[in-house]
Amino acid sequence: MLDPQSEPDGRLSLLDCARTGDVEALGRLLELYRDDLAMLARYQVGARLRGKVDPSDLVQETFLEAHRDFNQFRGATEREFAAWLRRILAANLANLIRHYFGTQRRDMNLERELIDSFSELSRISDRGLMARQETPSQHASRREQAVILADALRDLSEDYREVIVLRHLEGLSFPEIARRMDRSEDSVKKLWARALARLRRGMKATP
């Protein structure tokens, strides 16, 4: 049975309680985002910092900062709160990238790139690509599904990832995707079919 607190109204209720100074409500609210943030962190850590950073540590650091700086959150909705958490996560990841790649100056372009990437991946997951896969992973926990999806997307080639983003995130038609990718419509349809097949195989192959 779905936890009612995981629904948008339940999250908003916890957010309202947290605004009154209810630390327990804030903690419960943050836990509802752990799986989503872990998926985002795993995706980018795998792409940039493989073997150097534990995604769960990034998420925990994000939670600590969210607790500390919650009074600075100015949004009013669950969506705005989720975006705020993604910004904190992006800043933390950008700091690690600077550390490991030897740059000291804060790179706002990098942080914006990470935020955009996080938003795209979140919306792809929300649009239900998982529901298209008829494998035992459908019955896995939400956390396991998020990890599987992040790994599979990370391992796709750039053109496969792009066609999935354009089709399932931006909701473009095949003619629109063809113009965006400078391909024929028939070529785009075949590319999309191959990309989905590869994504599903990648998810199915994950232990």
N, C-alpha and C. Protein backbone atom coordinates (compact mmCIF):
# COMPACT_ATOMS: atom_id res chain seq x y z
N MET A 1 0.85 -1.20 0.00
CA MET A 1 0.00 0.00 0.00
C MET A 1 0.88 1.25 0.00
N LEU A 2 0.50 2.21 -0.81
CA LEU A 2 1.30 3.42 -0.92
C LEU A 2 1.19 4.26 0.33
N ASP A 3 2.30 4.71 0.83
CA ASP A 3 2.31 5.60 1.98
C ASP A 3 1.67 6.92 1.59
N PRO A 4 0.59 7.35 2.28
CA PRO A 4 -0.07 8.59 1.90
C PRO A 4 0.83 9.79 1.98
N GLN A 5 1.87 9.71 2.81
CA GLN A 5 2.78 10.84 2.92
C GLN A 5 3.64 11.00 1.68
N SER A 6 3.67 9.95 0.82
CA SER A 6 4.47 10.06 -0.39
C SER A 6 3.72 10.80 -1.49
N GLU A 7 2.40 11.00 -1.32
CA GLU A 7 1.63 11.75 -2.29
C GLU A 7 1.94 13.24 -2.14
N PRO A 8 1.74 14.03 -3.23
CA PRO A 8 2.05 15.46 -3.16
C PRO A 8 1.39 16.18 -2.00
N ASP A 9 0.09 15.87 -1.72
CA ASP A 9 -0.59 16.54 -0.62
C ASP A 9 0.04 16.19 0.72
N GLY A 10 0.47 14.92 0.86
CA GLY A 10 1.13 14.51 2.10
C GLY A 10 2.45 15.21 2.29
N ARG A 11 3.19 15.37 1.21
CA ARG A 11 4.47 16.06 1.29
C ARG A 11 4.26 17.54 1.63
N LEU A 12 3.24 18.12 1.04
CA LEU A 12 2.96 19.53 1.33
C LEU A 12 2.57 19.72 2.78
N SER A 13 1.83 18.75 3.33
CA SER A 13 1.46 18.81 4.74
C SER A 13 2.69 18.76 5.63
N LEU A 14 3.63 17.88 5.30
CA LEU A 14 4.88 17.81 6.07
C LEU A 14 5.68 19.10 5.91
N LEU A 15 5.66 19.66 4.72
CA LEU A 15 6.38 20.92 4.48
C LEU A 15 5.79 22.03 5.35
N ASP A 16 4.47 22.08 5.42
CA ASP A 16 3.82 23.10 6.25
C ASP A 16 4.20 22.92 7.72
N CYS A 17 4.24 21.67 8.18
CA CYS A 17 4.62 21.41 9.57
C CYS A 17 6.07 21.81 9.82
N ALA A 18 6.92 21.51 8.85
CA ALA A 18 8.34 21.85 8.99
C ALA A 18 8.51 23.36 9.12
N ARG A 19 7.67 24.12 8.44
CA ARG A 19 7.77 25.58 8.51
C ARG A 19 7.47 26.10 9.91
N THR A 20 6.73 25.32 10.69
CA THR A 20 6.40 25.75 12.05
C THR A 20 7.51 25.41 13.03
N GLY A 21 8.58 24.80 12.53
CA GLY A 21 9.69 24.42 13.39
C GLY A 21 9.69 22.97 13.79
N ASP A 22 8.82 22.17 13.17
CA ASP A 22 8.74 20.74 13.48
C ASP A 22 9.90 20.01 12.80
N VAL A 23 10.95 19.75 13.56
CA VAL A 23 12.15 19.12 13.01
C VAL A 23 11.86 17.69 12.56
N GLU A 24 11.01 17.00 13.30
CA GLU A 24 10.67 15.62 12.93
C GLU A 24 9.96 15.59 11.58
N ALA A 25 9.06 16.54 11.35
CA ALA A 25 8.36 16.60 10.07
C ALA A 25 9.33 16.86 8.93
N LEU A 26 10.30 17.73 9.16
CA LEU A 26 11.30 18.01 8.13
C LEU A 26 12.11 16.76 7.82
N GLY A 27 12.48 16.03 8.86
CA GLY A 27 13.23 14.80 8.65
C GLY A 27 12.44 13.78 7.85
N ARG A 28 11.16 13.63 8.17
CA ARG A 28 10.31 12.69 7.43
C ARG A 28 10.14 13.14 5.99
N LEU A 29 10.02 14.44 5.79
CA LEU A 29 9.87 14.98 4.44
C LEU A 29 11.12 14.69 3.61
N LEU A 30 12.28 14.94 4.17
CA LEU A 30 13.52 14.71 3.44
C LEU A 30 13.67 13.24 3.06
N GLU A 31 13.28 12.35 3.96
CA GLU A 31 13.41 10.92 3.67
C GLU A 31 12.61 10.52 2.43
N LEU A 32 11.52 11.23 2.17
CA LEU A 32 10.70 10.92 1.00
C LEU A 32 11.42 11.25 -0.31
N TYR A 33 12.48 12.05 -0.21
CA TYR A 33 13.24 12.43 -1.40
C TYR A 33 14.55 11.65 -1.53
N ARG A 34 14.83 10.78 -0.57
CA ARG A 34 16.12 10.09 -0.57
C ARG A 34 16.32 9.28 -1.85
N ASP A 35 15.31 8.53 -2.26
CA ASP A 35 15.46 7.68 -3.44
C ASP A 35 15.70 8.51 -4.70
N ASP A 36 14.92 9.59 -4.84
CA ASP A 36 15.08 10.44 -6.03
C ASP A 36 16.47 11.07 -6.07
N LEU A 37 16.92 11.59 -4.94
CA LEU A 37 18.24 12.22 -4.91
C LEU A 37 19.34 11.20 -5.12
N ALA A 38 19.15 10.00 -4.58
CA ALA A 38 20.15 8.95 -4.77
C ALA A 38 20.28 8.59 -6.25
N MET A 39 19.14 8.54 -6.95
CA MET A 39 19.18 8.26 -8.38
C MET A 39 19.96 9.34 -9.12
N LEU A 40 19.68 10.60 -8.81
CA LEU A 40 20.36 11.70 -9.48
C LEU A 40 21.85 11.69 -9.18
N ALA A 41 22.18 11.49 -7.91
CA ALA A 41 23.59 11.48 -7.51
C ALA A 41 24.32 10.31 -8.17
N ARG A 42 23.69 9.15 -8.19
CA ARG A 42 24.34 7.98 -8.78
C ARG A 42 24.60 8.20 -10.27
N TYR A 43 23.65 8.83 -10.94
CA TYR A 43 23.79 9.09 -12.37
C TYR A 43 25.00 9.98 -12.65
N GLN A 44 25.12 11.09 -11.93
CA GLN A 44 26.20 12.03 -12.20
C GLN A 44 27.53 11.56 -11.64
N VAL A 45 27.51 10.90 -10.49
CA VAL A 45 28.75 10.36 -9.94
C VAL A 45 29.33 9.32 -10.89
N GLY A 46 28.45 8.48 -11.43
CA GLY A 46 28.91 7.46 -12.37
C GLY A 46 29.50 8.06 -13.62
N ALA A 47 28.93 9.20 -14.05
CA ALA A 47 29.40 9.82 -15.28
C ALA A 47 30.70 10.58 -15.08
N ARG A 48 30.95 11.11 -13.89
CA ARG A 48 32.07 12.03 -13.70
C ARG A 48 33.08 11.57 -12.66
N LEU A 49 32.63 10.86 -11.63
CA LEU A 49 33.50 10.60 -10.48
C LEU A 49 33.49 9.12 -10.10
N ARG A 50 33.45 8.26 -11.09
CA ARG A 50 33.37 6.83 -10.83
C ARG A 50 34.51 6.37 -9.90
N GLY A 51 34.14 5.70 -8.82
CA GLY A 51 35.13 5.16 -7.91
C GLY A 51 35.68 6.14 -6.89
N LYS A 52 35.28 7.41 -6.99
CA LYS A 52 35.83 8.42 -6.08
C LYS A 52 34.82 8.87 -5.02
N VAL A 53 33.54 8.82 -5.34
CA VAL A 53 32.51 9.39 -4.48
C VAL A 53 31.38 8.39 -4.29
N ASP A 54 30.89 8.29 -3.06
CA ASP A 54 29.73 7.45 -2.77
C ASP A 54 28.47 8.32 -2.90
N PRO A 55 27.56 8.00 -3.81
CA PRO A 55 26.35 8.82 -3.97
C PRO A 55 25.56 8.99 -2.68
N SER A 56 25.53 7.97 -1.83
CA SER A 56 24.77 8.08 -0.59
C SER A 56 25.36 9.15 0.33
N ASP A 57 26.68 9.34 0.26
CA ASP A 57 27.30 10.40 1.06
C ASP A 57 26.87 11.78 0.56
N LEU A 58 26.75 11.92 -0.75
CA LEU A 58 26.28 13.18 -1.32
C LEU A 58 24.86 13.50 -0.87
N VAL A 59 24.02 12.48 -0.86
CA VAL A 59 22.63 12.69 -0.44
C VAL A 59 22.58 13.07 1.03
N GLN A 60 23.38 12.39 1.86
CA GLN A 60 23.38 12.70 3.29
C GLN A 60 23.87 14.12 3.54
N GLU A 61 24.89 14.53 2.81
CA GLU A 61 25.38 15.90 2.95
C GLU A 61 24.31 16.90 2.53
N THR A 62 23.57 16.57 1.49
CA THR A 62 22.48 17.44 1.04
C THR A 62 21.41 17.57 2.12
N PHE A 63 21.09 16.46 2.78
CA PHE A 63 20.10 16.50 3.86
C PHE A 63 20.58 17.35 5.03
N LEU A 64 21.85 17.21 5.38
CA LEU A 64 22.39 18.00 6.49
C LEU A 64 22.29 19.50 6.18
N GLU A 65 22.62 19.86 4.94
CA GLU A 65 22.54 21.27 4.56
C GLU A 65 21.10 21.74 4.49
N ALA A 66 20.19 20.86 4.06
CA ALA A 66 18.78 21.24 4.01
C ALA A 66 18.24 21.50 5.41
N HIS A 67 18.64 20.67 6.38
CA HIS A 67 18.25 20.91 7.77
C HIS A 67 18.80 22.25 8.25
N ARG A 68 20.06 22.47 7.97
CA ARG A 68 20.73 23.68 8.46
C ARG A 68 20.15 24.95 7.83
N ASP A 69 19.83 24.88 6.54
CA ASP A 69 19.44 26.09 5.81
C ASP A 69 17.96 26.15 5.48
N PHE A 70 17.15 25.33 6.15
CA PHE A 70 15.74 25.27 5.80
C PHE A 70 15.06 26.63 5.92
N ASN A 71 15.51 27.44 6.85
CA ASN A 71 14.89 28.76 7.02
C ASN A 71 15.14 29.67 5.81
N GLN A 72 16.04 29.25 4.92
CA GLN A 72 16.30 30.04 3.72
C GLN A 72 15.42 29.62 2.54
N PHE A 73 14.69 28.52 2.70
CA PHE A 73 13.80 28.07 1.63
C PHE A 73 12.61 29.01 1.53
N ARG A 74 12.40 29.57 0.35
CA ARG A 74 11.34 30.57 0.17
C ARG A 74 10.18 30.06 -0.69
N GLY A 75 10.23 28.81 -1.09
CA GLY A 75 9.16 28.29 -1.92
C GLY A 75 7.91 27.97 -1.11
N ALA A 76 6.84 27.61 -1.84
CA ALA A 76 5.58 27.31 -1.17
C ALA A 76 5.01 25.95 -1.56
N THR A 77 5.61 25.30 -2.54
CA THR A 77 5.04 24.05 -3.04
C THR A 77 6.04 22.90 -2.92
N GLU A 78 5.51 21.69 -3.05
CA GLU A 78 6.35 20.49 -3.02
C GLU A 78 7.33 20.50 -4.19
N ARG A 79 6.88 20.97 -5.35
CA ARG A 79 7.75 21.03 -6.53
C ARG A 79 8.92 21.99 -6.29
N GLU A 80 8.64 23.12 -5.65
CA GLU A 80 9.70 24.09 -5.37
C GLU A 80 10.69 23.53 -4.34
N PHE A 81 10.18 22.76 -3.38
CA PHE A 81 11.06 22.16 -2.39
C PHE A 81 11.98 21.13 -3.05
N ALA A 82 11.42 20.33 -3.96
CA ALA A 82 12.23 19.34 -4.67
C ALA A 82 13.32 20.03 -5.49
N ALA A 83 12.96 21.14 -6.14
CA ALA A 83 13.94 21.87 -6.94
C ALA A 83 15.03 22.46 -6.04
N TRP A 84 14.65 22.91 -4.86
CA TRP A 84 15.63 23.45 -3.90
C TRP A 84 16.62 22.38 -3.48
N LEU A 85 16.12 21.19 -3.21
CA LEU A 85 17.01 20.08 -2.84
C LEU A 85 17.95 19.73 -3.99
N ARG A 86 17.44 19.76 -5.21
CA ARG A 86 18.31 19.46 -6.36
C ARG A 86 19.41 20.50 -6.51
N ARG A 87 19.10 21.75 -6.20
CA ARG A 87 20.13 22.79 -6.28
C ARG A 87 21.23 22.56 -5.25
N ILE A 88 20.84 22.15 -4.04
CA ILE A 88 21.84 21.86 -3.01
C ILE A 88 22.71 20.69 -3.45
N LEU A 89 22.07 19.65 -3.97
CA LEU A 89 22.81 18.48 -4.44
C LEU A 89 23.76 18.86 -5.56
N ALA A 90 23.30 19.68 -6.49
CA ALA A 90 24.14 20.10 -7.61
C ALA A 90 25.35 20.89 -7.13
N ALA A 91 25.15 21.77 -6.16
CA ALA A 91 26.27 22.56 -5.62
C ALA A 91 27.29 21.65 -4.94
N ASN A 92 26.81 20.67 -4.19
CA ASN A 92 27.72 19.74 -3.52
C ASN A 92 28.51 18.91 -4.53
N LEU A 93 27.84 18.46 -5.57
CA LEU A 93 28.52 17.67 -6.58
C LEU A 93 29.52 18.53 -7.34
N ALA A 94 29.15 19.76 -7.64
CA ALA A 94 30.08 20.67 -8.33
C ALA A 94 31.33 20.90 -7.49
N ASN A 95 31.16 21.02 -6.18
CA ASN A 95 32.32 21.18 -5.29
C ASN A 95 33.25 19.98 -5.38
N LEU A 96 32.68 18.79 -5.43
CA LEU A 96 33.50 17.59 -5.53
C LEU A 96 34.22 17.51 -6.87
N ILE A 97 33.53 17.91 -7.93
CA ILE A 97 34.16 17.90 -9.25
C ILE A 97 35.34 18.86 -9.27
N ARG A 98 35.16 20.05 -8.67
CA ARG A 98 36.27 21.00 -8.60
C ARG A 98 37.43 20.42 -7.80
N HIS A 99 37.09 19.73 -6.72
CA HIS A 99 38.13 19.15 -5.86
C HIS A 99 38.94 18.10 -6.61
N TYR A 100 38.25 17.19 -7.29
CA TYR A 100 38.95 16.08 -7.93
C TYR A 100 39.62 16.47 -9.25
N PHE A 101 39.12 17.53 -9.87
CA PHE A 101 39.71 17.93 -11.14
C PHE A 101 40.56 19.18 -11.03
N GLY A 102 40.82 19.60 -9.78
CA GLY A 102 41.83 20.62 -9.54
C GLY A 102 41.45 22.04 -9.88
N THR A 103 40.16 22.36 -9.86
CA THR A 103 39.74 23.75 -10.10
C THR A 103 39.18 24.31 -8.81
N GLN A 104 39.58 25.51 -8.46
CA GLN A 104 39.15 26.12 -7.20
C GLN A 104 37.99 27.10 -7.39
N ARG A 105 37.90 27.68 -8.57
CA ARG A 105 36.89 28.70 -8.80
C ARG A 105 35.50 28.07 -8.95
N ARG A 106 34.52 28.67 -8.32
CA ARG A 106 33.16 28.17 -8.44
C ARG A 106 32.66 28.37 -9.86
N ASP A 107 32.12 27.31 -10.45
CA ASP A 107 31.68 27.33 -11.84
C ASP A 107 30.15 27.28 -11.87
N MET A 108 29.52 28.45 -12.05
CA MET A 108 28.06 28.50 -12.06
C MET A 108 27.48 27.77 -13.27
N ASN A 109 28.22 27.77 -14.38
CA ASN A 109 27.74 27.04 -15.55
C ASN A 109 27.65 25.55 -15.27
N LEU A 110 28.65 25.04 -14.54
CA LEU A 110 28.64 23.63 -14.18
C LEU A 110 27.45 23.32 -13.29
N GLU A 111 27.20 24.18 -12.31
CA GLU A 111 26.07 23.94 -11.41
C GLU A 111 24.75 23.98 -12.16
N ARG A 112 24.61 24.93 -13.10
CA ARG A 112 23.38 24.98 -13.89
C ARG A 112 23.23 23.74 -14.75
N GLU A 113 24.35 23.28 -15.30
CA GLU A 113 24.32 22.06 -16.11
C GLU A 113 23.86 20.87 -15.28
N LEU A 114 24.37 20.77 -14.06
CA LEU A 114 23.98 19.67 -13.19
C LEU A 114 22.51 19.77 -12.80
N ILE A 115 22.05 20.97 -12.48
CA ILE A 115 20.65 21.17 -12.11
C ILE A 115 19.74 20.77 -13.27
N ASP A 116 20.10 21.19 -14.49
CA ASP A 116 19.30 20.84 -15.66
C ASP A 116 19.28 19.32 -15.87
N SER A 117 20.44 18.71 -15.68
CA SER A 117 20.53 17.26 -15.85
C SER A 117 19.67 16.55 -14.81
N PHE A 118 19.72 17.02 -13.56
CA PHE A 118 18.91 16.43 -12.50
C PHE A 118 17.42 16.57 -12.82
N SER A 119 17.03 17.75 -13.31
CA SER A 119 15.62 17.98 -13.62
C SER A 119 15.16 17.05 -14.73
N GLU A 120 16.00 16.89 -15.76
CA GLU A 120 15.64 16.01 -16.87
C GLU A 120 15.45 14.58 -16.40
N LEU A 121 16.40 14.09 -15.62
CA LEU A 121 16.34 12.71 -15.16
C LEU A 121 15.13 12.49 -14.25
N SER A 122 14.82 13.46 -13.40
CA SER A 122 13.66 13.35 -12.52
C SER A 122 12.38 13.26 -13.34
N ARG A 123 12.27 14.09 -14.36
CA ARG A 123 11.05 14.10 -15.15
C ARG A 123 10.93 12.85 -16.01
N ILE A 124 12.05 12.32 -16.49
CA ILE A 124 12.01 11.06 -17.22
C ILE A 124 11.45 9.97 -16.32
N SER A 125 11.94 9.91 -15.10
CA SER A 125 11.46 8.91 -14.15
C SER A 125 9.98 9.12 -13.85
N ASP A 126 9.57 10.38 -13.66
CA ASP A 126 8.17 10.68 -13.35
C ASP A 126 7.24 10.30 -14.48
N ARG A 127 7.73 10.36 -15.72
CA ARG A 127 6.88 10.04 -16.86
C ARG A 127 6.65 8.55 -17.03
N GLY A 128 7.32 7.75 -16.21
CA GLY A 128 6.96 6.34 -16.14
C GLY A 128 7.61 5.42 -17.15
N LEU A 129 8.85 5.70 -17.54
CA LEU A 129 9.53 4.74 -18.41
C LEU A 129 9.61 3.37 -17.75
N MET A 130 9.67 3.36 -16.42
CA MET A 130 9.76 2.08 -15.72
C MET A 130 8.54 1.21 -16.03
N ALA A 131 7.38 1.84 -16.20
CA ALA A 131 6.16 1.07 -16.39
C ALA A 131 6.16 0.33 -17.72
N ARG A 132 7.03 0.73 -18.65
CA ARG A 132 7.08 0.06 -19.94
C ARG A 132 7.85 -1.26 -19.86
N GLN A 133 8.57 -1.47 -18.81
CA GLN A 133 9.44 -2.64 -18.72
C GLN A 133 8.73 -3.78 -18.03
N GLU A 134 8.60 -4.91 -18.69
CA GLU A 134 7.92 -6.06 -18.13
C GLU A 134 8.97 -7.06 -17.64
N THR A 135 9.59 -6.74 -16.55
CA THR A 135 10.62 -7.60 -15.97
C THR A 135 10.39 -7.66 -14.47
N PRO A 136 11.10 -8.55 -13.78
CA PRO A 136 10.95 -8.62 -12.32
C PRO A 136 11.30 -7.32 -11.62
N SER A 137 12.07 -6.44 -12.28
CA SER A 137 12.43 -5.19 -11.59
C SER A 137 11.22 -4.30 -11.35
N GLN A 138 10.09 -4.57 -12.05
CA GLN A 138 8.88 -3.81 -11.79
C GLN A 138 8.42 -4.01 -10.35
N HIS A 139 8.77 -5.16 -9.80
CA HIS A 139 8.32 -5.49 -8.46
C HIS A 139 9.37 -5.14 -7.40
N ALA A 140 10.46 -4.56 -7.84
CA ALA A 140 11.50 -4.15 -6.90
C ALA A 140 11.07 -2.89 -6.18
N SER A 141 11.82 -2.53 -5.18
CA SER A 141 11.51 -1.31 -4.44
C SER A 141 11.75 -0.10 -5.31
N ARG A 142 11.16 1.03 -4.91
CA ARG A 142 11.33 2.26 -5.67
C ARG A 142 12.80 2.67 -5.70
N ARG A 143 13.49 2.43 -4.62
CA ARG A 143 14.91 2.77 -4.58
C ARG A 143 15.70 1.95 -5.59
N GLU A 144 15.43 0.66 -5.65
CA GLU A 144 16.14 -0.20 -6.59
C GLU A 144 15.83 0.21 -8.03
N GLN A 145 14.58 0.57 -8.30
CA GLN A 145 14.20 1.00 -9.64
C GLN A 145 14.94 2.27 -10.03
N ALA A 146 15.06 3.20 -9.09
CA ALA A 146 15.74 4.45 -9.39
C ALA A 146 17.20 4.21 -9.73
N VAL A 147 17.84 3.32 -8.99
CA VAL A 147 19.25 3.01 -9.24
C VAL A 147 19.41 2.34 -10.60
N ILE A 148 18.52 1.40 -10.91
CA ILE A 148 18.57 0.70 -12.19
C ILE A 148 18.41 1.68 -13.35
N LEU A 149 17.44 2.58 -13.23
CA LEU A 149 17.20 3.55 -14.29
C LEU A 149 18.40 4.47 -14.47
N ALA A 150 18.96 4.95 -13.37
CA ALA A 150 20.12 5.84 -13.46
C ALA A 150 21.29 5.16 -14.16
N ASP A 151 21.55 3.91 -13.78
CA ASP A 151 22.66 3.18 -14.40
C ASP A 151 22.42 2.97 -15.89
N ALA A 152 21.19 2.59 -16.23
CA ALA A 152 20.89 2.30 -17.63
C ALA A 152 20.98 3.55 -18.49
N LEU A 153 20.47 4.67 -18.00
CA LEU A 153 20.55 5.92 -18.75
C LEU A 153 22.00 6.38 -18.91
N ARG A 154 22.76 6.22 -17.86
CA ARG A 154 24.17 6.63 -17.89
C ARG A 154 24.94 5.87 -18.96
N ASP A 155 24.58 4.61 -19.16
CA ASP A 155 25.33 3.76 -20.08
C ASP A 155 24.88 3.88 -21.53
N LEU A 156 23.81 4.63 -21.79
CA LEU A 156 23.35 4.81 -23.16
C LEU A 156 24.31 5.71 -23.93
N SER A 157 24.36 5.52 -25.23
CA SER A 157 25.13 6.44 -26.07
C SER A 157 24.41 7.79 -26.10
N GLU A 158 25.12 8.82 -26.53
CA GLU A 158 24.56 10.17 -26.49
C GLU A 158 23.31 10.29 -27.35
N ASP A 159 23.31 9.70 -28.55
CA ASP A 159 22.13 9.84 -29.42
C ASP A 159 20.94 9.07 -28.87
N TYR A 160 21.19 7.91 -28.24
CA TYR A 160 20.10 7.17 -27.61
C TYR A 160 19.49 7.97 -26.46
N ARG A 161 20.37 8.54 -25.63
CA ARG A 161 19.87 9.32 -24.49
C ARG A 161 19.08 10.54 -24.98
N GLU A 162 19.58 11.18 -26.03
CA GLU A 162 18.91 12.38 -26.53
C GLU A 162 17.52 12.07 -27.06
N VAL A 163 17.38 11.00 -27.82
CA VAL A 163 16.06 10.71 -28.39
C VAL A 163 15.06 10.34 -27.29
N ILE A 164 15.52 9.69 -26.23
CA ILE A 164 14.63 9.37 -25.12
C ILE A 164 14.21 10.64 -24.38
N VAL A 165 15.16 11.54 -24.16
CA VAL A 165 14.84 12.80 -23.49
C VAL A 165 13.84 13.61 -24.32
N LEU A 166 14.08 13.71 -25.62
CA LEU A 166 13.20 14.51 -26.47
C LEU A 166 11.79 13.91 -26.54
N ARG A 167 11.72 12.60 -26.60
CA ARG A 167 10.42 11.94 -26.74
C ARG A 167 9.67 11.89 -25.42
N HIS A 168 10.35 11.49 -24.34
CA HIS A 168 9.65 11.22 -23.09
C HIS A 168 9.72 12.37 -22.09
N LEU A 169 10.69 13.23 -22.22
CA LEU A 169 10.78 14.38 -21.33
C LEU A 169 10.11 15.59 -21.94
N GLU A 170 10.53 15.95 -23.15
CA GLU A 170 9.98 17.15 -23.77
C GLU A 170 8.67 16.87 -24.50
N GLY A 171 8.35 15.59 -24.68
CA GLY A 171 7.08 15.23 -25.29
C GLY A 171 6.96 15.61 -26.76
N LEU A 172 8.09 15.64 -27.46
CA LEU A 172 8.07 16.04 -28.87
C LEU A 172 7.55 14.91 -29.75
N SER A 173 6.95 15.30 -30.87
CA SER A 173 6.52 14.33 -31.86
C SER A 173 7.74 13.86 -32.65
N PHE A 174 7.56 12.77 -33.40
CA PHE A 174 8.69 12.28 -34.18
C PHE A 174 9.15 13.29 -35.25
N PRO A 175 8.22 13.98 -35.93
CA PRO A 175 8.69 15.01 -36.87
C PRO A 175 9.50 16.11 -36.18
N GLU A 176 9.07 16.50 -34.97
CA GLU A 176 9.81 17.54 -34.24
C GLU A 176 11.19 17.04 -33.82
N ILE A 177 11.25 15.79 -33.38
CA ILE A 177 12.54 15.22 -33.00
C ILE A 177 13.46 15.13 -34.21
N ALA A 178 12.88 14.76 -35.35
CA ALA A 178 13.67 14.65 -36.57
C ALA A 178 14.32 15.99 -36.92
N ARG A 179 13.55 17.07 -36.78
CA ARG A 179 14.12 18.39 -37.07
C ARG A 179 15.18 18.75 -36.04
N ARG A 180 14.93 18.44 -34.78
CA ARG A 180 15.88 18.79 -33.72
C ARG A 180 17.20 18.03 -33.90
N MET A 181 17.11 16.78 -34.31
CA MET A 181 18.31 15.95 -34.42
C MET A 181 18.88 15.93 -35.84
N ASP A 182 18.22 16.65 -36.73
CA ASP A 182 18.67 16.71 -38.13
C ASP A 182 18.75 15.31 -38.74
N ARG A 183 17.66 14.57 -38.56
CA ARG A 183 17.54 13.23 -39.12
C ARG A 183 16.20 13.12 -39.82
N SER A 184 16.03 12.05 -40.59
CA SER A 184 14.72 11.79 -41.18
C SER A 184 13.79 11.25 -40.10
N GLU A 185 12.48 11.39 -40.33
CA GLU A 185 11.52 10.90 -39.34
C GLU A 185 11.64 9.39 -39.17
N ASP A 186 11.82 8.68 -40.27
CA ASP A 186 11.96 7.22 -40.19
C ASP A 186 13.20 6.84 -39.39
N SER A 187 14.29 7.58 -39.59
CA SER A 187 15.52 7.31 -38.86
C SER A 187 15.32 7.54 -37.36
N VAL A 188 14.58 8.59 -37.01
CA VAL A 188 14.34 8.89 -35.60
C VAL A 188 13.49 7.80 -34.95
N LYS A 189 12.48 7.33 -35.65
CA LYS A 189 11.63 6.27 -35.09
C LYS A 189 12.44 5.01 -34.81
N LYS A 190 13.32 4.67 -35.74
CA LYS A 190 14.16 3.49 -35.55
C LYS A 190 15.15 3.70 -34.40
N LEU A 191 15.71 4.92 -34.33
CA LEU A 191 16.65 5.24 -33.26
C LEU A 191 15.96 5.14 -31.91
N TRP A 192 14.74 5.69 -31.82
CA TRP A 192 13.97 5.66 -30.57
C TRP A 192 13.68 4.22 -30.15
N ALA A 193 13.27 3.39 -31.10
CA ALA A 193 12.97 1.99 -30.78
C ALA A 193 14.22 1.27 -30.28
N ARG A 194 15.35 1.53 -30.93
CA ARG A 194 16.60 0.89 -30.49
C ARG A 194 17.02 1.40 -29.12
N ALA A 195 16.82 2.71 -28.89
CA ALA A 195 17.20 3.30 -27.61
C ALA A 195 16.38 2.71 -26.47
N LEU A 196 15.08 2.57 -26.67
CA LEU A 196 14.23 1.98 -25.63
C LEU A 196 14.62 0.53 -25.38
N ALA A 197 14.88 -0.19 -26.47
CA ALA A 197 15.27 -1.60 -26.31
C ALA A 197 16.58 -1.70 -25.53
N ARG A 198 17.53 -0.83 -25.84
CA ARG A 198 18.80 -0.84 -25.13
C ARG A 198 18.62 -0.46 -23.66
N LEU A 199 17.76 0.53 -23.42
CA LEU A 199 17.49 0.95 -22.04
C LEU A 199 16.88 -0.19 -21.25
N ARG A 200 15.92 -0.87 -21.83
CA ARG A 200 15.27 -1.98 -21.14
C ARG A 200 16.24 -3.13 -20.89
N ARG A 201 17.08 -3.41 -21.88
CA ARG A 201 18.07 -4.48 -21.67
C ARG A 201 19.03 -4.11 -20.56
N GLY A 202 19.43 -2.84 -20.54
CA GLY A 202 20.34 -2.39 -19.49
C GLY A 202 19.72 -2.51 -18.12
N MET A 203 18.44 -2.18 -18.02
CA MET A 203 17.74 -2.27 -16.74
C MET A 203 17.55 -3.73 -16.34
N LYS A 204 17.24 -4.56 -17.31
CA LYS A 204 17.01 -5.98 -17.03
C LYS A 204 18.29 -6.68 -16.61
N ALA A 205 19.41 -6.23 -17.18
CA ALA A 205 20.69 -6.88 -16.89
C ALA A 205 21.27 -6.49 -15.55
N THR A 206 20.75 -5.40 -14.96
CA THR A 206 21.29 -4.96 -13.67
C THR A 206 20.96 -5.97 -12.59
N PRO A 207 21.96 -6.44 -11.82
CA PRO A 207 21.71 -7.45 -10.78
C PRO A 207 20.71 -6.96 -9.75
